[in-house]
Structures are given as C-alpha cells and as structure tokens.
Amino acid sequence: MNESTIYECLKYGNENINMALEALRAGKMIQIYDSDSREGETDLVIPAKAVTYKSVKWMRKDAGGLICVAVDPVASKQLRLPFMADLVREASKTSESLGKVVEKDGDLKYDSHSSFSIWVNHRDTRTGIPDLERALTIRKIGEITEKSLSGNGVLFGNEFRTPGHVALLRAAEGLLDERMGQTELSVALARMAGITPAMVVCEMLDDESGKALSKENSKDYGKDHGLVFLEGKEILEAYMLWAGSEC
C-alpha cells in the first residue's frame, strides 16, 4: 500500500488529526501536547528528513528545549541504538560512581523510564553545534532510518560519531501501547502519515516563569504561527483506529 492510500484511509473523525498528517507529509511543523498527567509539555515536532537550519533556529529560539530525534523502534533495533541508561548500567560494572547515578525504578515522576539513546554528530560536521550542522545530522538520521526500514544494510557508525550534539530517542517497542511520551506520539503520527518515522521534538519553554510553556500559551503560539496543535489523547484515539484498520 502506498503513502497516498494510507493517507486517504485516515481521513476520518478528528479534523485536527487530518490536518496534522497533511502538515507532516508536507514537511511542516506541528505541536504535540502529551497530557496533563504526564510531562504536561508541548513540543514543536517536524519530520527529521524535512529539517533545515531554519527549522533548528526556530526550535532553538522559540521553543528553547532540547532538540532531539525520536527514532522508530524497529529501526532503532536494526541500527543497534542502545538506551543510554543501559549503557551506563553496563559501564557501572567497573565504576561504582556511575552505578549511583544511573536511572532507577521510581526516579521519573512521569514515566517508568526515559527514551534517551546516544548523542551524535554526523561525520561530515565539524563541531556539530551550528544550526547548519545540527540540521545535517538530523536529516541524515532520517535518511538512515529510512534506509534501515527499507531493508538496506547500513552501519550507523559509518555515518555518525558520539559524543555529539543531537540527542537520539528510542521509541518503545509497543509504541502507544507501552508508553505515551512525545517520542512515541510523534513516531506513531509518522507511521500513520506514511512518512519516515524519525521525528524531531523540542519542548516549548516559558521565558517568564522558567517552566514549561502552558498548554494555553502553546495553543496561542500555534494559532499565531499557523501550527496544528494535537493532544496525546487525540493521537492515541486515531492510532488505535489506524492500528485496527487495513491502512
């Protein structure tokens, strides 16, 4: 089934979902709010393959949070992307101090575990931090994700090095059946849209309060900038319908 057929099959119910899928297929930015009971944060979200230095600048200046790339769980396995906590646990076997700081059950107030993997730069970058270089790294993550899911044999280390300046997030294997983070919500949307499931997410922060930007202010920002605003519960409902359909 081609991407157009997948997209047509999803034109139902919630118009916000339809507009968001259309925007993502066009390589545009949207907003995702997870939930009041979780992080309570809104992220700017855009497909990795569509990122330019202007996208990075936009997220850096207007959102202000950490610019990360969420990677599909199947591709994460194929690319052998580890969870950072697992790496630190392994390293803690020879370092008692690391064993004391690595994430443990109950550490996160909003979830059972984080989705952080490694931080990378593409090998064609110099320092990796300027907007142009971060954009290159992000696009290349999108490209290698697509190649991996297409069955092409790729070696992640041939193109990327770590430490770097782009944080990778490894989506939970069961996606929304297992976890409702921005990582899984964005990857679920990518799957529904029929695009490469490597998505850039960046939290929107409030310059005045020092906290996450409120849902209301995030919505106002979205209206001012023509962005579709989705809540996690909307994505979950649409994803359940999609997963149970023939799309």
Protein backbone atom coordinates (compact mmCIF):
# COMPACT_ATOMS: atom_id res chain seq x y z
CA MET A 1 0.00 0.00 0.00
CA ASN A 2 1.48 3.35 -1.00
CA GLU A 3 1.67 6.50 1.13
CA SER A 4 -1.24 8.21 -0.65
CA THR A 5 -3.51 5.24 0.02
CA ILE A 6 -2.50 5.22 3.69
CA TYR A 7 -3.23 8.92 3.96
CA GLU A 8 -6.62 8.70 2.25
CA CYS A 9 -7.59 5.85 4.56
CA LEU A 10 -7.01 8.11 7.56
CA LYS A 11 -9.34 10.92 6.54
CA TYR A 12 -11.90 10.40 9.26
CA GLY A 13 -13.22 11.79 12.53
CA ASN A 14 -10.90 14.30 14.14
CA GLU A 15 -10.02 17.05 11.68
CA ASN A 16 -7.01 18.02 13.81
CA ILE A 17 -5.50 14.62 13.05
CA ASN A 18 -6.17 15.01 9.32
CA MET A 19 -4.55 18.47 9.27
CA ALA A 20 -1.56 17.26 11.28
CA LEU A 21 -0.96 14.31 8.95
CA GLU A 22 -1.20 16.60 5.94
CA ALA A 23 1.27 19.03 7.51
CA LEU A 24 3.77 16.26 8.35
CA ARG A 25 3.56 14.83 4.86
CA ALA A 26 4.43 18.31 3.58
CA GLY A 27 7.42 18.51 5.95
CA LYS A 28 5.85 21.16 8.16
CA MET A 29 6.00 21.80 11.90
CA ILE A 30 3.17 20.86 14.27
CA GLN A 31 2.68 20.91 18.05
CA ILE A 32 2.07 17.94 20.35
CA TYR A 33 0.94 18.21 23.99
CA ASP A 34 1.38 14.92 25.83
CA SER A 35 -1.09 15.12 28.73
CA ASP A 36 -1.85 16.90 32.00
CA SER A 37 -0.95 13.76 33.93
CA ARG A 38 2.42 13.21 32.25
CA GLU A 39 5.05 15.87 31.47
CA GLY A 40 2.39 18.48 30.76
CA GLU A 41 4.56 19.88 27.96
CA THR A 42 4.05 20.96 24.37
CA ASP A 43 6.73 20.10 21.80
CA LEU A 44 7.39 21.52 18.38
CA VAL A 45 7.53 18.49 16.07
CA ILE A 46 8.77 18.09 12.48
CA PRO A 47 9.93 15.13 10.32
CA ALA A 48 13.70 14.69 10.53
CA LYS A 49 14.11 14.46 6.77
CA ALA A 50 12.45 17.88 6.34
CA VAL A 51 14.71 19.77 8.74
CA THR A 52 16.73 22.78 7.57
CA TYR A 53 18.91 25.15 9.55
CA LYS A 54 15.88 27.43 9.76
CA SER A 55 13.93 24.66 11.50
CA VAL A 56 16.72 24.25 14.05
CA LYS A 57 16.84 28.02 14.60
CA TRP A 58 13.06 28.10 15.06
CA MET A 59 13.14 25.36 17.70
CA ARG A 60 16.20 26.78 19.42
CA LYS A 61 14.85 30.32 19.68
CA ASP A 62 11.08 29.89 20.04
CA ALA A 63 10.85 26.54 21.84
CA GLY A 64 14.09 26.56 23.81
CA GLY A 65 14.04 22.95 24.96
CA LEU A 66 16.27 20.06 23.93
CA ILE A 67 16.26 19.31 20.20
CA CYS A 68 16.02 15.51 19.88
CA VAL A 69 15.26 12.97 17.19
CA ALA A 70 12.76 10.21 18.01
CA VAL A 71 13.51 7.01 16.07
CA ASP A 72 11.10 4.18 15.27
CA PRO A 73 11.62 1.10 17.48
CA VAL A 74 12.16 -1.28 14.56
CA ALA A 75 14.81 0.99 13.05
CA SER A 76 16.37 1.51 16.48
CA LYS A 77 16.90 -2.23 16.80
CA GLN A 78 18.24 -2.58 13.28
CA LEU A 79 20.64 0.33 13.82
CA ARG A 80 21.59 -1.10 17.24
CA LEU A 81 20.79 2.10 19.09
CA PRO A 82 21.07 1.47 22.84
CA PHE A 83 19.15 3.10 25.66
CA MET A 84 21.55 5.43 27.46
CA ALA A 85 20.53 4.03 30.84
CA ASP A 86 21.54 0.54 29.68
CA LEU A 87 24.94 1.82 28.56
CA VAL A 88 25.53 3.47 31.92
CA ARG A 89 24.42 0.33 33.80
CA GLU A 90 26.93 -1.70 31.81
CA ALA A 91 29.67 0.85 32.47
CA SER A 92 28.74 0.88 36.17
CA LYS A 93 30.06 -2.68 36.45
CA THR A 94 33.52 -1.11 36.55
CA SER A 95 32.54 2.25 38.05
CA GLU A 96 30.73 2.44 41.37
CA SER A 97 30.02 6.15 40.90
CA LEU A 98 28.07 5.52 37.67
CA GLY A 99 26.02 2.89 39.43
CA LYS A 100 24.84 5.54 41.88
CA VAL A 101 23.63 8.00 39.23
CA VAL A 102 22.06 5.75 36.59
CA GLU A 103 18.27 5.91 36.29
CA LYS A 104 16.41 3.57 38.65
CA ASP A 105 12.79 2.49 39.07
CA GLY A 106 10.81 5.35 40.58
CA ASP A 107 13.28 8.09 39.61
CA LEU A 108 10.97 9.55 36.96
CA LYS A 109 7.78 11.09 38.32
CA TYR A 110 6.01 10.90 34.94
CA ASP A 111 7.11 7.54 33.48
CA SER A 112 8.81 4.22 34.15
CA HIS A 113 11.90 5.00 32.04
CA SER A 114 13.38 7.61 29.72
CA SER A 115 13.80 7.08 25.99
CA PHE A 116 17.27 8.63 25.67
CA SER A 117 19.78 6.84 23.48
CA ILE A 118 23.16 8.27 22.44
CA TRP A 119 24.06 11.80 21.30
CA VAL A 120 25.58 12.04 17.84
CA ASN A 121 27.11 14.26 15.17
CA HIS A 122 27.24 13.31 11.51
CA ARG A 123 30.78 12.63 10.34
CA ASP A 124 30.55 15.43 7.76
CA THR A 125 30.16 18.06 10.52
CA ARG A 126 32.99 19.92 12.22
CA THR A 127 31.87 20.83 15.75
CA GLY A 128 28.31 19.69 15.13
CA ILE A 129 26.59 22.51 17.04
CA PRO A 130 25.80 25.27 14.47
CA ASP A 131 22.27 25.19 13.07
CA LEU A 132 23.51 24.08 9.65
CA GLU A 133 25.47 21.19 11.13
CA ARG A 134 22.74 20.06 13.50
CA ALA A 135 20.28 20.16 10.60
CA LEU A 136 22.61 17.96 8.54
CA THR A 137 22.94 15.44 11.36
CA ILE A 138 19.15 15.37 11.85
CA ARG A 139 18.41 14.86 8.15
CA LYS A 140 20.97 12.09 7.95
CA ILE A 141 19.30 10.35 10.91
CA GLY A 142 16.07 10.48 8.93
CA GLU A 143 17.80 9.08 5.87
CA ILE A 144 19.49 6.19 7.68
CA THR A 145 16.21 5.36 9.41
CA GLU A 146 14.51 5.13 6.02
CA LYS A 147 17.32 3.00 4.58
CA SER A 148 17.22 0.66 7.54
CA LEU A 149 13.45 0.15 7.33
CA SER A 150 13.74 -0.40 3.57
CA GLY A 151 15.93 -3.42 4.18
CA ASN A 152 19.19 -1.83 3.12
CA GLY A 153 22.16 -2.92 5.15
CA VAL A 154 23.58 0.15 6.90
CA LEU A 155 26.16 0.65 9.63
CA PHE A 156 25.28 3.54 11.92
CA GLY A 157 28.90 4.16 12.86
CA ASN A 158 29.87 4.72 9.24
CA GLU A 159 27.93 7.98 9.24
CA PHE A 160 27.77 9.13 12.88
CA ARG A 161 30.05 9.60 15.85
CA THR A 162 29.38 10.03 19.54
CA PRO A 163 29.53 12.15 21.70
CA GLY A 164 27.66 14.69 19.62
CA HIS A 165 25.08 17.45 19.75
CA VAL A 166 21.88 15.71 18.60
CA ALA A 167 20.12 13.54 21.17
CA LEU A 168 18.53 10.34 19.89
CA LEU A 169 15.37 8.98 21.47
CA ARG A 170 14.50 5.31 21.05
CA ALA A 171 10.73 4.77 20.84
CA ALA A 172 9.26 1.98 22.96
CA GLU A 173 8.75 -1.28 21.09
CA GLY A 174 4.99 -1.22 21.68
CA LEU A 175 4.71 2.50 20.89
CA LEU A 176 1.49 3.89 22.40
CA ASP A 177 0.52 0.50 23.81
CA GLU A 178 3.57 0.80 26.04
CA ARG A 179 4.39 4.48 26.52
CA MET A 180 2.74 7.85 25.83
CA GLY A 181 5.80 10.10 25.58
CA GLN A 182 6.48 12.68 22.89
CA THR A 183 8.85 10.09 21.39
CA GLU A 184 6.09 7.52 20.83
CA LEU A 185 3.38 10.07 19.96
CA SER A 186 5.49 11.62 17.20
CA VAL A 187 6.62 8.27 15.76
CA ALA A 188 3.02 6.98 15.83
CA LEU A 189 1.94 10.03 13.80
CA ALA A 190 4.74 9.42 11.31
CA ARG A 191 3.61 5.84 10.83
CA MET A 192 0.02 6.99 10.30
CA ALA A 193 1.15 9.62 7.81
CA GLY A 194 3.21 7.07 5.88
CA ILE A 195 6.44 9.06 6.25
CA THR A 196 9.85 8.04 7.58
CA PRO A 197 9.37 7.53 11.34
CA ALA A 198 12.22 9.71 12.55
CA MET A 199 10.78 12.83 14.17
CA VAL A 200 12.35 15.92 15.70
CA VAL A 201 10.85 17.06 19.01
CA CYS A 202 11.67 20.11 21.12
CA GLU A 203 9.92 21.25 24.31
CA MET A 204 8.39 24.72 24.41
CA LEU A 205 9.60 26.67 27.46
CA ASP A 206 8.30 29.83 29.13
CA ASP A 207 10.81 32.69 29.28
CA GLU A 208 8.85 34.44 32.03
CA SER A 209 8.14 31.65 34.53
CA GLY A 210 11.13 29.42 33.87
CA LYS A 211 8.76 26.48 33.47
CA ALA A 212 7.30 24.62 30.50
CA LEU A 213 5.06 26.82 28.37
CA SER A 214 1.45 26.30 29.44
CA LYS A 215 -0.97 24.48 27.17
CA GLU A 216 -3.00 27.66 26.70
CA ASN A 217 0.02 29.75 25.74
CA SER A 218 1.27 26.98 23.47
CA LYS A 219 -2.08 26.96 21.68
CA ASP A 220 -1.93 30.75 21.29
CA TYR A 221 1.57 30.44 19.82
CA GLY A 222 0.30 27.80 17.41
CA LYS A 223 -2.56 30.00 16.26
CA ASP A 224 -0.18 32.89 15.67
CA HIS A 225 2.15 30.69 13.60
CA GLY A 226 -0.39 28.55 11.78
CA LEU A 227 0.53 25.29 13.55
CA VAL A 228 -1.74 22.31 14.17
CA PHE A 229 -2.00 21.59 17.92
CA LEU A 230 -2.61 17.98 18.95
CA GLU A 231 -3.10 16.42 22.37
CA GLY A 232 -1.78 12.97 23.17
CA LYS A 233 -5.27 11.57 23.71
CA GLU A 234 -6.25 12.61 20.17
CA ILE A 235 -3.24 10.82 18.74
CA LEU A 236 -3.92 7.71 20.83
CA GLU A 237 -7.53 7.51 19.67
CA ALA A 238 -6.57 7.91 16.00
CA TYR A 239 -3.66 5.48 16.32
CA MET A 240 -5.90 2.78 17.79
CA LEU A 241 -8.27 3.15 14.86
CA TRP A 242 -5.37 3.10 12.41
CA ALA A 243 -3.77 0.05 14.01
CA GLY A 244 -7.05 -1.83 13.80
CA SER A 245 -7.78 -0.83 10.20
CA GLU A 246 -6.45 -2.10 6.89
CA CYS A 247 -4.46 1.08 6.33
